[in-house]
Amino acid sequence: TSSHTRVGILNNPSSKIKEDNTAVARGILAAFLTQNNSNLKSFLSKLSKEETAKSLSAGTKIVKFLIPGMDGDTLEKKYNTLGLDLIKTQQMFCQEVLKLLPGQMAVISNGR
């Protein structure tokens, strides 16, 4: 409810990281890196839907899910060039530093 709240996401997949099973994760990362906050929330809500995940995994282009006002060219370029190393690094951080099991979820807070 606060405009001063920050949200971040770390990926901790339970399966082997490949291009075809990281479509949603890459879409989320690309959006965080390229979009302003006003469009980000709506876009992330759309990406988190089951039918969107299935569609992306089946090969639908990320631009089909854009929200009006988003910078689609920048997002698509980042999405298509985002390597799997970032997701692998996040997975390693989750498991080595946070001591999470593969696929385990957690909420981390650093607030007042």
Protein backbone atom coordinates (compact mmCIF):
# COMPACT_ATOMS: atom_id res chain seq x y z
CA THR A 1 0.00 0.00 0.00
CA SER A 2 3.01 2.28 0.23
CA SER A 3 4.58 4.03 -2.73
CA HIS A 4 7.92 3.44 -1.00
CA THR A 5 7.71 -0.36 -1.13
CA ARG A 6 10.20 -2.18 -3.31
CA VAL A 7 9.72 -5.63 -4.71
CA GLY A 8 12.35 -7.92 -6.14
CA ILE A 9 12.31 -11.47 -7.39
CA LEU A 10 14.97 -14.16 -7.20
CA ASN A 11 14.52 -17.31 -9.24
CA ASN A 12 15.03 -20.66 -7.52
CA PRO A 13 13.87 -23.24 -10.06
CA SER A 14 13.67 -26.90 -9.19
CA SER A 15 14.35 -28.15 -12.71
CA LYS A 16 17.28 -27.77 -15.10
CA ILE A 17 17.42 -24.22 -16.46
CA LYS A 18 16.78 -24.12 -20.22
CA GLU A 19 15.44 -21.54 -22.68
CA ASP A 20 12.07 -23.27 -23.04
CA ASN A 21 11.30 -23.49 -19.31
CA THR A 22 12.40 -19.97 -18.35
CA ALA A 23 10.10 -17.89 -20.56
CA VAL A 24 8.13 -16.39 -17.68
CA ALA A 25 11.22 -15.80 -15.53
CA ARG A 26 12.99 -14.06 -18.43
CA GLY A 27 9.86 -11.98 -19.11
CA ILE A 28 9.74 -10.85 -15.49
CA LEU A 29 13.45 -10.02 -15.42
CA ALA A 30 13.23 -8.14 -18.73
CA ALA A 31 10.26 -6.13 -17.45
CA PHE A 32 12.05 -5.21 -14.20
CA LEU A 33 15.07 -4.05 -16.21
CA THR A 34 13.24 -2.04 -18.88
CA GLN A 35 9.85 -0.75 -17.71
CA ASN A 36 8.62 1.99 -15.40
CA ASN A 37 6.66 1.14 -12.26
CA SER A 38 3.28 2.25 -13.58
CA ASN A 39 3.26 -0.48 -16.25
CA LEU A 40 5.26 -3.08 -14.36
CA LYS A 41 2.56 -4.17 -11.90
CA SER A 42 -0.06 -4.79 -14.59
CA PHE A 43 2.39 -6.61 -16.83
CA LEU A 44 3.62 -8.86 -14.00
CA SER A 45 0.02 -9.71 -13.11
CA LYS A 46 -0.55 -10.75 -16.70
CA LEU A 47 2.64 -12.83 -16.84
CA SER A 48 1.79 -14.67 -13.63
CA LYS A 49 -1.38 -16.21 -15.10
CA GLU A 50 -1.26 -19.91 -15.94
CA GLU A 51 -2.55 -19.45 -19.49
CA THR A 52 0.13 -16.83 -20.19
CA ALA A 53 2.88 -19.16 -18.96
CA LYS A 54 1.59 -21.98 -21.16
CA SER A 55 1.34 -19.67 -24.15
CA LEU A 56 4.89 -18.36 -23.71
CA SER A 57 6.23 -21.89 -23.29
CA ALA A 58 4.45 -22.85 -26.51
CA GLY A 59 6.34 -20.12 -28.39
CA THR A 60 4.07 -17.07 -28.28
CA LYS A 61 6.09 -13.86 -28.54
CA ILE A 62 6.37 -11.76 -25.37
CA VAL A 63 5.04 -8.67 -27.20
CA LYS A 64 1.58 -10.27 -27.36
CA PHE A 65 1.23 -9.65 -23.61
CA LEU A 66 2.32 -6.01 -23.49
CA ILE A 67 0.28 -3.45 -21.58
CA PRO A 68 -0.54 -0.16 -23.36
CA GLY A 69 2.19 2.38 -22.66
CA MET A 70 5.00 -0.16 -22.33
CA ASP A 71 8.21 0.17 -24.30
CA GLY A 72 7.75 -3.02 -26.28
CA ASP A 73 10.88 -2.77 -28.42
CA THR A 74 13.16 -2.40 -25.41
CA LEU A 75 11.42 -5.19 -23.51
CA GLU A 76 11.52 -7.58 -26.45
CA LYS A 77 15.21 -6.90 -27.10
CA LYS A 78 16.11 -7.50 -23.43
CA TYR A 79 13.91 -10.63 -23.30
CA ASN A 80 15.54 -12.11 -26.39
CA THR A 81 19.11 -11.35 -25.27
CA LEU A 82 18.79 -12.17 -21.58
CA GLY A 83 20.99 -15.17 -20.99
CA LEU A 84 20.34 -18.01 -18.62
CA ASP A 85 23.39 -17.11 -16.52
CA LEU A 86 21.43 -14.56 -14.48
CA ILE A 87 18.81 -17.14 -13.54
CA LYS A 88 21.53 -19.68 -12.71
CA THR A 89 23.26 -17.09 -10.50
CA GLN A 90 20.01 -16.36 -8.68
CA GLN A 91 19.41 -20.08 -8.20
CA MET A 92 22.89 -20.51 -6.75
CA PHE A 93 22.38 -17.54 -4.39
CA CYS A 94 19.06 -18.96 -3.18
CA GLN A 95 20.54 -22.36 -2.49
CA GLU A 96 24.03 -21.47 -1.25
CA VAL A 97 23.40 -18.25 0.69
CA LEU A 98 19.72 -18.42 1.64
CA LYS A 99 19.91 -22.21 2.13
CA LEU A 100 16.71 -22.86 0.19
CA LEU A 101 16.05 -26.22 -1.41
CA PRO A 102 15.59 -26.25 -5.21
CA GLY A 103 12.16 -24.79 -5.96
CA GLN A 104 11.54 -23.70 -2.37
CA MET A 105 9.91 -20.29 -1.97
CA ALA A 106 10.61 -17.65 0.65
CA VAL A 107 9.75 -14.06 1.48
CA ILE A 108 12.63 -11.90 2.61
CA SER A 109 11.94 -8.56 4.22
CA ASN A 110 14.29 -5.76 5.11
CA GLY A 111 12.00 -3.09 6.42
CA ARG A 112 11.01 -1.16 9.47
